[in-house]
């Protein structure tokens, strides 16, 4: 059976659909969690189930820099904005350099 570029693209994008649905569900859950609190208690950052971090506050440039480039920090860090985690490239580079020599 011959596949076309269109069907290949469609099958590849379909592989991500469950993750996209999960991500959207986590965003919705975090927003609902905050909206259930009295307005004066809403912080717009926290963790879902005590595990999955979320932060909907407007990030500062310092926070962006610290999140993506902190050679002394962890490799996996909380996202600057949104739900989940991201990669601290500074820590990755520092780790590679330490392993290289």
Protein backbone atom coordinates (compact mmCIF):
# COMPACT_ATOMS: atom_id res chain seq x y z
CA UNK A 1 0.00 0.00 0.00
CA UNK A 2 1.38 3.35 -1.01
CA UNK A 3 1.17 6.21 1.48
CA UNK A 4 1.05 9.84 0.61
CA UNK A 5 2.63 12.75 2.41
CA UNK A 6 -0.83 13.78 3.58
CA UNK A 7 -1.65 10.43 5.22
CA UNK A 8 1.82 10.27 6.78
CA UNK A 9 1.34 13.73 8.26
CA UNK A 10 -2.14 12.85 9.47
CA UNK A 11 -0.96 9.66 11.19
CA UNK A 12 1.95 11.49 12.85
CA UNK A 13 -0.29 14.27 14.14
CA UNK A 14 -2.76 11.69 15.44
CA UNK A 15 -0.08 10.26 17.70
CA UNK A 16 -0.02 13.53 19.66
CA UNK A 17 -3.79 13.83 20.07
CA UNK A 18 -4.00 12.07 23.48
CA UNK A 19 -1.21 14.28 24.84
CA UNK A 20 -2.91 17.42 23.53
CA UNK A 21 -6.17 16.37 25.18
CA UNK A 22 -4.34 15.65 28.45
CA UNK A 23 -2.57 19.03 28.34
CA UNK A 24 -5.83 20.87 27.70
CA UNK A 25 -7.48 18.95 30.54
CA UNK A 26 -4.68 19.95 32.93
CA UNK A 27 -5.00 23.62 31.94
CA UNK A 28 -8.75 23.50 32.49
CA UNK A 29 -8.30 21.74 35.85
CA UNK A 30 -5.80 24.36 37.02
CA UNK A 31 -8.08 27.24 36.03
CA UNK A 32 -11.05 25.60 37.76
CA UNK A 33 -8.94 25.02 40.88
CA UNK A 34 -8.11 28.74 41.03
CA UNK A 35 -11.65 29.91 40.24
CA UNK A 36 -13.06 27.82 43.10
CA UNK A 37 -11.02 29.88 45.55
CA UNK A 38 -12.26 33.24 46.84
CA UNK A 39 -10.84 36.00 44.62
CA UNK A 40 -8.48 37.29 47.32
CA UNK A 41 -6.95 33.80 47.74
CA UNK A 42 -6.23 33.15 44.06
CA UNK A 43 -2.52 33.04 43.31
CA UNK A 44 -2.70 31.55 39.78
CA UNK A 45 0.20 29.22 40.54
CA UNK A 46 0.42 25.93 42.38
CA UNK A 47 0.28 22.21 41.71
CA UNK A 48 -2.45 19.86 40.57
CA UNK A 49 -2.71 16.86 42.85
CA UNK A 50 0.41 18.11 44.61
CA UNK A 51 2.45 17.02 41.59
CA UNK A 52 1.85 18.82 38.27
CA UNK A 53 2.94 22.48 38.54
CA UNK A 54 1.06 25.35 36.95
CA UNK A 55 1.71 29.07 36.75
CA UNK A 56 -0.55 31.54 34.95
CA UNK A 57 1.15 34.70 36.22
CA UNK A 58 2.78 37.00 33.66
CA UNK A 59 6.45 35.94 33.61
CA UNK A 60 9.22 38.47 34.08
CA UNK A 61 12.32 38.42 31.89
CA UNK A 62 14.34 37.40 34.95
CA UNK A 63 12.07 34.40 35.51
CA UNK A 64 12.33 33.40 31.84
CA UNK A 65 16.12 33.63 31.97
CA UNK A 66 16.32 31.71 35.25
CA UNK A 67 13.99 28.98 33.96
CA UNK A 68 15.77 28.35 30.67
CA UNK A 69 19.36 29.21 31.61
CA UNK A 70 20.37 28.30 35.16
CA UNK A 71 23.54 26.16 34.98
CA UNK A 72 23.30 25.40 38.70
CA UNK A 73 19.61 24.44 38.64
CA UNK A 74 17.77 21.22 37.87
CA UNK A 75 17.46 19.99 34.29
CA UNK A 76 13.68 19.56 34.54
CA UNK A 77 11.98 22.69 35.91
CA UNK A 78 8.48 24.14 36.19
CA UNK A 79 7.24 25.94 33.06
CA UNK A 80 7.55 29.71 32.90
CA UNK A 81 3.85 29.94 31.98
CA UNK A 82 1.26 27.19 31.78
CA UNK A 83 1.09 23.65 33.11
CA UNK A 84 3.86 21.09 33.46
CA UNK A 85 7.62 21.17 33.10
CA UNK A 86 10.29 22.34 30.69
CA UNK A 87 14.02 21.88 30.10
CA UNK A 88 16.63 24.15 31.71
CA UNK A 89 19.14 24.39 28.86
CA UNK A 90 21.78 25.95 31.11
CA UNK A 91 21.77 22.86 33.32
CA UNK A 92 21.96 20.59 30.27
CA UNK A 93 25.02 22.46 28.95
CA UNK A 94 26.65 22.40 32.39
CA UNK A 95 26.04 18.63 32.68
CA UNK A 96 27.48 17.96 29.20
CA UNK A 97 30.54 20.07 29.99
CA UNK A 98 31.13 18.24 33.28
CA UNK A 99 30.84 14.86 31.56
CA UNK A 100 33.13 15.94 28.71
CA UNK A 101 35.96 16.83 30.86
